[in-house]
Amino acid sequence: MVYKLRMPKIDANVEHGQISRWIKSGGDEVLPGEPVVEIITDKATFEYESEEGGRLRRIYAPEKSAVPVGYVLATIGDADEAEPEDIQRENEILMTAWQKASDAGVEALPAVTTAPHDDDSKRVRATPPARRMARERGIDLADIPGALNGKRITEKDVEDYLASRGRT
């Protein structure tokens, strides 16, 4: 039977995650309990392990994609097993519901808050990849234009800030 590796719900407040990188590639052998993919949420970055073993048959969520909890990330099983036909449709339904929630005012990407240096009453909202990029490059998120005005900072904002300072 083909095992569906799904985006886990690691916390009550986590509704989605971003695929950081695939540790295994299509066709690779996967052992039970072995890390397959690295996922970023607003709560953590972690390596997600498969509960089942077999070959990594197909990847449904490419790197850098954001997907809701329950989304089938990949399938694992024997090479001669038929791929379930319902996966694509199931994923489309989950994505549509998630996008509708986003359009209704629920954020599509996680907003992580960090306090700036000297004023804990103002918060900087940033996606996990933006926060990681800023940390790696030694940037205070509060220095990015719009950060203290409630704007959610993204990787693009960090890249633009670096470019404006002549850094990459």
N, C-alpha and C. Protein backbone atom coordinates (compact mmCIF):
# COMPACT_ATOMS: atom_id res chain seq x y z
N MET A 1 0.84 -1.18 0.00
CA MET A 1 0.00 0.00 0.00
C MET A 1 0.89 1.25 0.00
N VAL A 2 0.50 2.25 -0.77
CA VAL A 2 1.26 3.49 -0.86
C VAL A 2 0.95 4.35 0.36
N TYR A 3 2.00 4.83 1.03
CA TYR A 3 1.88 5.69 2.20
C TYR A 3 1.89 7.14 1.76
N LYS A 4 0.94 7.92 2.27
CA LYS A 4 0.86 9.35 1.96
C LYS A 4 1.55 10.12 3.09
N LEU A 5 2.66 10.76 2.78
CA LEU A 5 3.39 11.59 3.73
C LEU A 5 2.71 12.96 3.72
N ARG A 6 2.05 13.32 4.82
CA ARG A 6 1.24 14.54 4.88
C ARG A 6 1.92 15.62 5.72
N MET A 7 1.58 16.88 5.41
CA MET A 7 2.04 18.00 6.23
C MET A 7 1.44 17.82 7.62
N PRO A 8 2.31 17.70 8.64
CA PRO A 8 1.80 17.44 9.99
C PRO A 8 1.29 18.69 10.69
N LYS A 9 0.43 18.48 11.66
CA LYS A 9 -0.03 19.57 12.53
C LYS A 9 0.81 19.44 13.80
N ILE A 10 1.88 20.23 13.86
CA ILE A 10 2.82 20.09 14.97
C ILE A 10 2.39 20.86 16.22
N ASP A 11 1.42 21.77 16.06
CA ASP A 11 0.94 22.57 17.18
C ASP A 11 -0.48 23.02 16.86
N ALA A 12 -1.25 23.31 17.87
CA ALA A 12 -2.64 23.71 17.65
C ALA A 12 -2.77 24.95 16.78
N ASN A 13 -1.80 25.85 16.84
CA ASN A 13 -1.87 27.09 16.07
C ASN A 13 -1.21 27.00 14.70
N VAL A 14 -0.60 25.90 14.36
CA VAL A 14 0.07 25.75 13.07
C VAL A 14 -0.93 25.21 12.05
N GLU A 15 -1.18 26.01 11.02
CA GLU A 15 -2.13 25.63 9.98
C GLU A 15 -1.46 25.30 8.65
N HIS A 16 -0.17 25.59 8.53
CA HIS A 16 0.55 25.35 7.28
C HIS A 16 2.05 25.38 7.53
N GLY A 17 2.81 25.03 6.50
CA GLY A 17 4.26 25.07 6.58
C GLY A 17 4.85 25.28 5.20
N GLN A 18 6.14 25.57 5.19
CA GLN A 18 6.85 25.76 3.92
C GLN A 18 7.90 24.65 3.80
N ILE A 19 7.98 24.09 2.60
CA ILE A 19 8.98 23.06 2.34
C ILE A 19 10.32 23.76 2.16
N SER A 20 11.23 23.52 3.09
CA SER A 20 12.55 24.14 3.02
C SER A 20 13.43 23.39 2.02
N ARG A 21 13.52 22.07 2.24
CA ARG A 21 14.32 21.25 1.32
C ARG A 21 13.93 19.78 1.47
N TRP A 22 14.09 19.06 0.38
CA TRP A 22 13.86 17.62 0.41
C TRP A 22 15.18 16.94 0.73
N ILE A 23 15.19 16.14 1.78
CA ILE A 23 16.38 15.40 2.19
C ILE A 23 16.54 14.18 1.29
N LYS A 24 15.43 13.58 0.93
CA LYS A 24 15.41 12.44 0.02
C LYS A 24 14.91 12.90 -1.35
N SER A 25 15.33 12.21 -2.38
CA SER A 25 14.89 12.52 -3.75
C SER A 25 13.98 11.41 -4.24
N GLY A 26 13.22 11.70 -5.30
CA GLY A 26 12.37 10.70 -5.90
C GLY A 26 13.15 9.45 -6.26
N GLY A 27 12.63 8.30 -5.86
CA GLY A 27 13.29 7.03 -6.14
C GLY A 27 14.19 6.53 -5.02
N ASP A 28 14.53 7.41 -4.06
CA ASP A 28 15.38 7.02 -2.94
C ASP A 28 14.64 6.05 -2.01
N GLU A 29 15.38 5.18 -1.40
CA GLU A 29 14.84 4.27 -0.39
C GLU A 29 14.67 5.05 0.91
N VAL A 30 13.52 4.87 1.57
CA VAL A 30 13.21 5.55 2.82
C VAL A 30 12.95 4.47 3.87
N LEU A 31 13.62 4.58 5.00
CA LEU A 31 13.40 3.66 6.11
C LEU A 31 12.42 4.29 7.10
N PRO A 32 11.63 3.48 7.81
CA PRO A 32 10.73 4.04 8.83
C PRO A 32 11.53 4.86 9.84
N GLY A 33 11.06 6.06 10.15
CA GLY A 33 11.73 6.93 11.11
C GLY A 33 12.85 7.75 10.52
N GLU A 34 13.06 7.65 9.22
CA GLU A 34 14.14 8.38 8.56
C GLU A 34 13.64 9.75 8.08
N PRO A 35 14.44 10.83 8.29
CA PRO A 35 14.03 12.15 7.80
C PRO A 35 13.91 12.16 6.28
N VAL A 36 12.84 12.81 5.79
CA VAL A 36 12.58 12.86 4.36
C VAL A 36 12.59 14.30 3.84
N VAL A 37 12.06 15.23 4.65
CA VAL A 37 11.89 16.61 4.21
C VAL A 37 12.09 17.55 5.40
N GLU A 38 12.63 18.75 5.11
CA GLU A 38 12.76 19.78 6.13
C GLU A 38 11.62 20.78 5.93
N ILE A 39 10.89 21.07 7.01
CA ILE A 39 9.71 21.94 6.96
C ILE A 39 9.91 23.13 7.89
N ILE A 40 9.45 24.30 7.44
CA ILE A 40 9.50 25.52 8.24
C ILE A 40 8.06 25.91 8.58
N THR A 41 7.80 26.14 9.87
CA THR A 41 6.51 26.70 10.30
C THR A 41 6.82 27.94 11.13
N ASP A 42 5.78 28.62 11.59
CA ASP A 42 6.02 29.77 12.45
C ASP A 42 6.49 29.35 13.84
N LYS A 43 6.41 28.07 14.15
CA LYS A 43 6.83 27.57 15.45
C LYS A 43 8.22 26.93 15.43
N ALA A 44 8.61 26.35 14.30
CA ALA A 44 9.87 25.60 14.27
C ALA A 44 10.29 25.27 12.84
N THR A 45 11.56 24.93 12.72
CA THR A 45 12.08 24.32 11.50
C THR A 45 12.50 22.92 11.92
N PHE A 46 12.03 21.91 11.20
CA PHE A 46 12.31 20.55 11.63
C PHE A 46 12.40 19.60 10.44
N GLU A 47 13.08 18.48 10.68
CA GLU A 47 13.14 17.41 9.69
C GLU A 47 12.00 16.46 9.98
N TYR A 48 11.16 16.23 8.98
CA TYR A 48 9.99 15.39 9.14
C TYR A 48 10.34 13.96 8.72
N GLU A 49 10.04 13.02 9.58
CA GLU A 49 10.37 11.62 9.37
C GLU A 49 9.17 10.84 8.85
N SER A 50 9.44 9.87 8.01
CA SER A 50 8.39 9.00 7.50
C SER A 50 8.08 7.92 8.53
N GLU A 51 6.82 7.61 8.68
CA GLU A 51 6.42 6.52 9.57
C GLU A 51 6.56 5.17 8.87
N GLU A 52 6.57 5.19 7.55
CA GLU A 52 6.63 3.96 6.76
C GLU A 52 7.89 3.94 5.90
N GLY A 53 8.26 2.75 5.47
CA GLY A 53 9.42 2.59 4.60
C GLY A 53 9.00 2.26 3.18
N GLY A 54 9.95 2.39 2.26
CA GLY A 54 9.71 2.09 0.85
C GLY A 54 10.49 3.08 0.00
N ARG A 55 10.11 3.19 -1.25
CA ARG A 55 10.74 4.15 -2.17
C ARG A 55 9.94 5.45 -2.14
N LEU A 56 10.66 6.56 -2.20
CA LEU A 56 9.99 7.86 -2.34
C LEU A 56 9.50 7.91 -3.78
N ARG A 57 8.19 7.73 -3.92
CA ARG A 57 7.58 7.57 -5.24
C ARG A 57 7.41 8.88 -5.98
N ARG A 58 6.74 9.83 -5.32
CA ARG A 58 6.43 11.10 -5.98
C ARG A 58 6.38 12.22 -4.96
N ILE A 59 6.93 13.37 -5.33
CA ILE A 59 6.89 14.56 -4.48
C ILE A 59 5.81 15.49 -5.03
N TYR A 60 4.87 15.87 -4.17
CA TYR A 60 3.75 16.74 -4.57
C TYR A 60 3.96 18.19 -4.16
N ALA A 61 4.87 18.44 -3.23
CA ALA A 61 5.12 19.80 -2.74
C ALA A 61 6.59 20.14 -2.99
N PRO A 62 6.87 20.94 -4.01
CA PRO A 62 8.27 21.28 -4.30
C PRO A 62 8.87 22.18 -3.21
N GLU A 63 10.19 22.27 -3.19
CA GLU A 63 10.87 23.15 -2.26
C GLU A 63 10.37 24.58 -2.43
N LYS A 64 10.28 25.28 -1.31
CA LYS A 64 9.82 26.68 -1.21
C LYS A 64 8.31 26.83 -1.32
N SER A 65 7.57 25.73 -1.50
CA SER A 65 6.12 25.84 -1.56
C SER A 65 5.55 25.86 -0.15
N ALA A 66 4.46 26.60 0.03
CA ALA A 66 3.75 26.65 1.30
C ALA A 66 2.49 25.82 1.14
N VAL A 67 2.23 24.93 2.10
CA VAL A 67 1.09 24.01 2.01
C VAL A 67 0.37 23.93 3.35
N PRO A 68 -0.94 23.67 3.32
CA PRO A 68 -1.70 23.56 4.57
C PRO A 68 -1.49 22.20 5.24
N VAL A 69 -1.83 22.15 6.52
CA VAL A 69 -1.79 20.89 7.26
C VAL A 69 -2.67 19.87 6.55
N GLY A 70 -2.20 18.64 6.44
CA GLY A 70 -2.95 17.57 5.80
C GLY A 70 -2.59 17.37 4.34
N TYR A 71 -1.93 18.33 3.73
CA TYR A 71 -1.53 18.25 2.32
C TYR A 71 -0.60 17.05 2.12
N VAL A 72 -0.81 16.29 1.06
CA VAL A 72 0.07 15.15 0.78
C VAL A 72 1.35 15.70 0.16
N LEU A 73 2.44 15.60 0.92
CA LEU A 73 3.74 16.11 0.47
C LEU A 73 4.39 15.17 -0.53
N ALA A 74 4.24 13.86 -0.28
CA ALA A 74 4.87 12.86 -1.14
C ALA A 74 4.23 11.50 -0.86
N THR A 75 4.54 10.55 -1.73
CA THR A 75 4.10 9.17 -1.51
C THR A 75 5.32 8.27 -1.39
N ILE A 76 5.17 7.24 -0.56
CA ILE A 76 6.23 6.27 -0.32
C ILE A 76 5.61 4.88 -0.45
N GLY A 77 6.29 4.00 -1.17
CA GLY A 77 5.78 2.65 -1.33
C GLY A 77 6.65 1.84 -2.27
N ASP A 78 6.16 0.66 -2.63
CA ASP A 78 6.87 -0.20 -3.57
C ASP A 78 6.76 0.37 -4.97
N ALA A 79 7.78 0.13 -5.77
CA ALA A 79 7.83 0.67 -7.13
C ALA A 79 6.71 0.14 -8.01
N ASP A 80 6.21 -1.06 -7.74
CA ASP A 80 5.19 -1.66 -8.59
C ASP A 80 3.75 -1.32 -8.17
N GLU A 81 3.59 -0.57 -7.08
CA GLU A 81 2.25 -0.20 -6.63
C GLU A 81 1.73 0.98 -7.44
N ALA A 82 0.43 0.97 -7.67
CA ALA A 82 -0.20 2.08 -8.39
C ALA A 82 -0.32 3.30 -7.47
N GLU A 83 -0.06 4.46 -8.05
CA GLU A 83 -0.19 5.72 -7.31
C GLU A 83 -1.68 5.99 -7.08
N PRO A 84 -2.10 6.34 -5.86
CA PRO A 84 -3.50 6.66 -5.62
C PRO A 84 -3.97 7.80 -6.52
N GLU A 85 -5.16 7.70 -7.04
CA GLU A 85 -5.69 8.69 -7.97
C GLU A 85 -6.26 9.92 -7.27
N ASP A 86 -6.57 9.81 -5.98
CA ASP A 86 -7.26 10.89 -5.28
C ASP A 86 -6.35 11.98 -4.73
N ILE A 87 -5.05 11.81 -4.78
CA ILE A 87 -4.12 12.73 -4.12
C ILE A 87 -4.20 14.14 -4.70
N GLN A 88 -4.13 14.25 -6.01
CA GLN A 88 -4.14 15.57 -6.64
C GLN A 88 -5.42 16.33 -6.26
N ARG A 89 -6.55 15.67 -6.34
CA ARG A 89 -7.84 16.30 -6.02
C ARG A 89 -7.90 16.68 -4.54
N GLU A 90 -7.44 15.79 -3.69
CA GLU A 90 -7.43 16.04 -2.25
C GLU A 90 -6.57 17.27 -1.93
N ASN A 91 -5.41 17.37 -2.55
CA ASN A 91 -4.53 18.52 -2.34
C ASN A 91 -5.16 19.82 -2.86
N GLU A 92 -5.84 19.74 -4.00
CA GLU A 92 -6.50 20.92 -4.56
C GLU A 92 -7.58 21.44 -3.62
N ILE A 93 -8.34 20.54 -3.02
CA ILE A 93 -9.40 20.92 -2.09
C ILE A 93 -8.79 21.62 -0.87
N LEU A 94 -7.72 21.06 -0.32
CA LEU A 94 -7.06 21.66 0.83
C LEU A 94 -6.50 23.05 0.49
N MET A 95 -5.85 23.18 -0.67
CA MET A 95 -5.28 24.47 -1.08
C MET A 95 -6.38 25.51 -1.28
N THR A 96 -7.48 25.12 -1.90
CA THR A 96 -8.59 26.05 -2.14
C THR A 96 -9.16 26.55 -0.81
N ALA A 97 -9.37 25.65 0.12
CA ALA A 97 -9.91 26.04 1.43
C ALA A 97 -8.93 26.96 2.15
N TRP A 98 -7.66 26.67 2.07
CA TRP A 98 -6.63 27.48 2.71
C TRP A 98 -6.57 28.88 2.08
N GLN A 99 -6.66 28.94 0.75
CA GLN A 99 -6.63 30.22 0.06
C GLN A 99 -7.87 31.05 0.38
N LYS A 100 -9.03 30.40 0.49
CA LYS A 100 -10.25 31.13 0.86
C LYS A 100 -10.12 31.70 2.26
N ALA A 101 -9.54 30.94 3.17
CA ALA A 101 -9.32 31.43 4.53
C ALA A 101 -8.38 32.63 4.49
N SER A 102 -7.39 32.57 3.65
CA SER A 102 -6.44 33.67 3.49
C SER A 102 -7.14 34.91 2.96
N ASP A 103 -7.99 34.74 1.94
CA ASP A 103 -8.74 35.85 1.36
C ASP A 103 -9.71 36.47 2.36
N ALA A 104 -10.15 35.66 3.31
CA ALA A 104 -11.11 36.15 4.31
C ALA A 104 -10.41 36.88 5.46
N GLY A 105 -9.07 37.01 5.36
CA GLY A 105 -8.35 37.76 6.37
C GLY A 105 -7.43 36.94 7.23
N VAL A 106 -7.40 35.65 7.05
CA VAL A 106 -6.46 34.81 7.77
C VAL A 106 -5.18 34.81 6.94
N GLU A 107 -4.05 35.05 7.59
CA GLU A 107 -2.80 35.16 6.85
C GLU A 107 -2.43 33.87 6.14
N ALA A 108 -1.94 33.98 4.91
CA ALA A 108 -1.55 32.82 4.12
C ALA A 108 -0.19 32.30 4.52
N LEU A 109 0.66 33.17 5.06
CA LEU A 109 1.96 32.76 5.56
C LEU A 109 2.03 33.10 7.04
N PRO A 110 2.79 32.33 7.79
CA PRO A 110 2.86 32.61 9.21
C PRO A 110 3.49 33.96 9.49
N ALA A 111 3.00 34.63 10.50
CA ALA A 111 3.59 35.89 10.94
C ALA A 111 4.29 35.63 12.26
N VAL A 112 5.57 35.81 12.27
CA VAL A 112 6.36 35.59 13.46
C VAL A 112 6.67 36.95 14.06
N THR A 113 6.49 37.08 15.34
CA THR A 113 6.78 38.37 15.96
C THR A 113 8.08 38.30 16.72
N THR A 114 8.85 39.38 16.58
CA THR A 114 10.06 39.54 17.36
C THR A 114 10.10 40.97 17.83
N ALA A 115 10.53 41.20 19.03
CA ALA A 115 10.57 42.55 19.56
C ALA A 115 11.83 43.27 19.08
N PRO A 116 11.71 44.53 18.68
CA PRO A 116 12.89 45.30 18.35
C PRO A 116 13.70 45.61 19.61
N HIS A 117 14.89 46.16 19.43
CA HIS A 117 15.82 46.37 20.55
C HIS A 117 15.25 47.16 21.72
N ASP A 118 14.73 48.36 21.43
CA ASP A 118 14.46 49.27 22.53
C ASP A 118 12.99 49.53 22.82
N ASP A 119 12.05 48.96 22.07
CA ASP A 119 10.64 49.25 22.34
C ASP A 119 9.83 47.98 22.20
N ASP A 120 9.59 47.32 23.33
CA ASP A 120 8.85 46.05 23.30
C ASP A 120 7.38 46.23 22.98
N SER A 121 6.88 47.48 22.94
CA SER A 121 5.48 47.69 22.63
C SER A 121 5.21 47.57 21.13
N LYS A 122 6.24 47.69 20.31
CA LYS A 122 6.11 47.55 18.86
C LYS A 122 6.68 46.20 18.47
N ARG A 123 6.01 45.52 17.55
CA ARG A 123 6.43 44.19 17.15
C ARG A 123 6.74 44.18 15.66
N VAL A 124 7.70 43.33 15.29
CA VAL A 124 8.04 43.13 13.88
C VAL A 124 7.46 41.79 13.47
N ARG A 125 6.65 41.81 12.41
CA ARG A 125 6.07 40.57 11.88
C ARG A 125 6.91 40.15 10.68
N ALA A 126 7.27 38.87 10.64
CA ALA A 126 8.10 38.37 9.54
C ALA A 126 7.84 36.90 9.33
N THR A 127 7.96 36.46 8.07
CA THR A 127 7.83 35.04 7.77
C THR A 127 9.09 34.33 8.29
N PRO A 128 9.00 33.05 8.61
CA PRO A 128 10.18 32.33 9.10
C PRO A 128 11.38 32.40 8.15
N PRO A 129 11.20 32.26 6.83
CA PRO A 129 12.37 32.36 5.95
C PRO A 129 13.01 33.76 6.00
N ALA A 130 12.19 34.80 6.13
CA ALA A 130 12.73 36.17 6.21
C ALA A 130 13.49 36.34 7.52
N ARG A 131 12.94 35.83 8.58
CA ARG A 131 13.61 35.94 9.88
C ARG A 131 14.95 35.21 9.87
N ARG A 132 14.97 34.01 9.28
CA ARG A 132 16.22 33.25 9.19
C ARG A 132 17.25 33.99 8.33
N MET A 133 16.80 34.52 7.18
CA MET A 133 17.71 35.25 6.28
C MET A 133 18.30 36.46 7.00
N ALA A 134 17.47 37.20 7.73
CA ALA A 134 17.95 38.38 8.47
C ALA A 134 18.96 37.97 9.54
N ARG A 135 18.66 36.91 10.25
CA ARG A 135 19.57 36.42 11.29
C ARG A 135 20.91 36.02 10.68
N GLU A 136 20.87 35.27 9.56
CA GLU A 136 22.10 34.81 8.91
C GLU A 136 22.95 35.97 8.40
N ARG A 137 22.31 37.08 8.03
CA ARG A 137 23.03 38.22 7.45
C ARG A 137 23.27 39.33 8.47
N GLY A 138 22.87 39.10 9.73
CA GLY A 138 23.12 40.08 10.78
C GLY A 138 22.28 41.34 10.68
N ILE A 139 21.04 41.20 10.23
CA ILE A 139 20.15 42.34 10.05
C ILE A 139 19.09 42.34 11.14
N ASP A 140 18.82 43.52 11.68
CA ASP A 140 17.71 43.69 12.62
C ASP A 140 16.44 43.91 11.79
N LEU A 141 15.46 43.07 11.93
CA LEU A 141 14.23 43.20 11.15
C LEU A 141 13.55 44.55 11.35
N ALA A 142 13.73 45.16 12.50
CA ALA A 142 13.11 46.46 12.77
C ALA A 142 13.68 47.55 11.87
N ASP A 143 14.86 47.35 11.29
CA ASP A 143 15.48 48.34 10.40
C ASP A 143 14.89 48.33 9.00
N ILE A 144 14.14 47.32 8.65
CA ILE A 144 13.57 47.21 7.30
C ILE A 144 12.36 48.14 7.20
N PRO A 145 12.30 48.96 6.14
CA PRO A 145 11.19 49.91 5.99
C PRO A 145 9.82 49.22 6.08
N GLY A 146 8.96 49.81 6.90
CA GLY A 146 7.60 49.31 7.07
C GLY A 146 7.45 48.27 8.17
N ALA A 147 8.58 47.78 8.70
CA ALA A 147 8.52 46.70 9.69
C ALA A 147 7.78 47.11 10.96
N LEU A 148 7.95 48.34 11.39
CA LEU A 148 7.31 48.78 12.63
C LEU A 148 5.93 49.36 12.40
N ASN A 149 5.48 49.34 11.15
CA ASN A 149 4.14 49.83 10.82
C ASN A 149 3.17 48.69 10.57
N GLY A 150 3.51 47.49 11.02
CA GLY A 150 2.61 46.36 10.88
C GLY A 150 2.79 45.54 9.62
N LYS A 151 3.70 45.95 8.74
CA LYS A 151 3.92 45.18 7.51
C LYS A 151 4.59 43.85 7.84
N ARG A 152 4.13 42.79 7.20
CA ARG A 152 4.75 41.47 7.36
C ARG A 152 5.97 41.41 6.45
N ILE A 153 7.14 41.22 7.02
CA ILE A 153 8.39 41.20 6.28
C ILE A 153 8.58 39.82 5.64
N THR A 154 8.94 39.83 4.35
CA THR A 154 9.18 38.59 3.60
C THR A 154 10.65 38.52 3.19
N GLU A 155 11.05 37.40 2.61
CA GLU A 155 12.42 37.25 2.10
C GLU A 155 12.74 38.36 1.10
N LYS A 156 11.78 38.71 0.25
CA LYS A 156 11.98 39.75 -0.75
C LYS A 156 12.29 41.09 -0.08
N ASP A 157 11.61 41.40 1.01
CA ASP A 157 11.88 42.63 1.75
C ASP A 157 13.31 42.64 2.29
N VAL A 158 13.76 41.52 2.82
CA VAL A 158 15.13 41.42 3.33
C VAL A 158 16.13 41.58 2.18
N GLU A 159 15.85 40.91 1.05
CA GLU A 159 16.73 41.04 -0.12
C GLU A 159 16.80 42.48 -0.60
N ASP A 160 15.64 43.16 -0.67
CA ASP A 160 15.60 44.56 -1.10
C ASP A 160 16.38 45.45 -0.14
N TYR A 161 16.24 45.20 1.15
CA TYR A 161 16.97 45.98 2.15
C TYR A 161 18.48 45.79 1.96
N LEU A 162 18.90 44.54 1.77
CA LEU A 162 20.32 44.27 1.55
C LEU A 162 20.82 44.98 0.30
N ALA A 163 20.03 44.92 -0.77
CA ALA A 163 20.43 45.57 -2.03
C ALA A 163 20.55 47.08 -1.85
N SER A 164 19.65 47.67 -1.07
CA SER A 164 19.70 49.12 -0.84
C SER A 164 20.94 49.52 -0.03
N ARG A 165 21.50 48.61 0.70
CA ARG A 165 22.70 48.84 1.51
C ARG A 165 23.97 48.37 0.79
N GLY A 166 23.80 47.88 -0.45
CA GLY A 166 24.95 47.41 -1.22
C GLY A 166 25.50 46.09 -0.74
N ARG A 167 24.64 45.31 -0.05
CA ARG A 167 25.04 43.98 0.44
C ARG A 167 24.16 42.94 -0.22
N THR A 168 24.67 41.73 -0.32
CA THR A 168 23.87 40.63 -0.87
C THR A 168 23.93 39.42 0.00
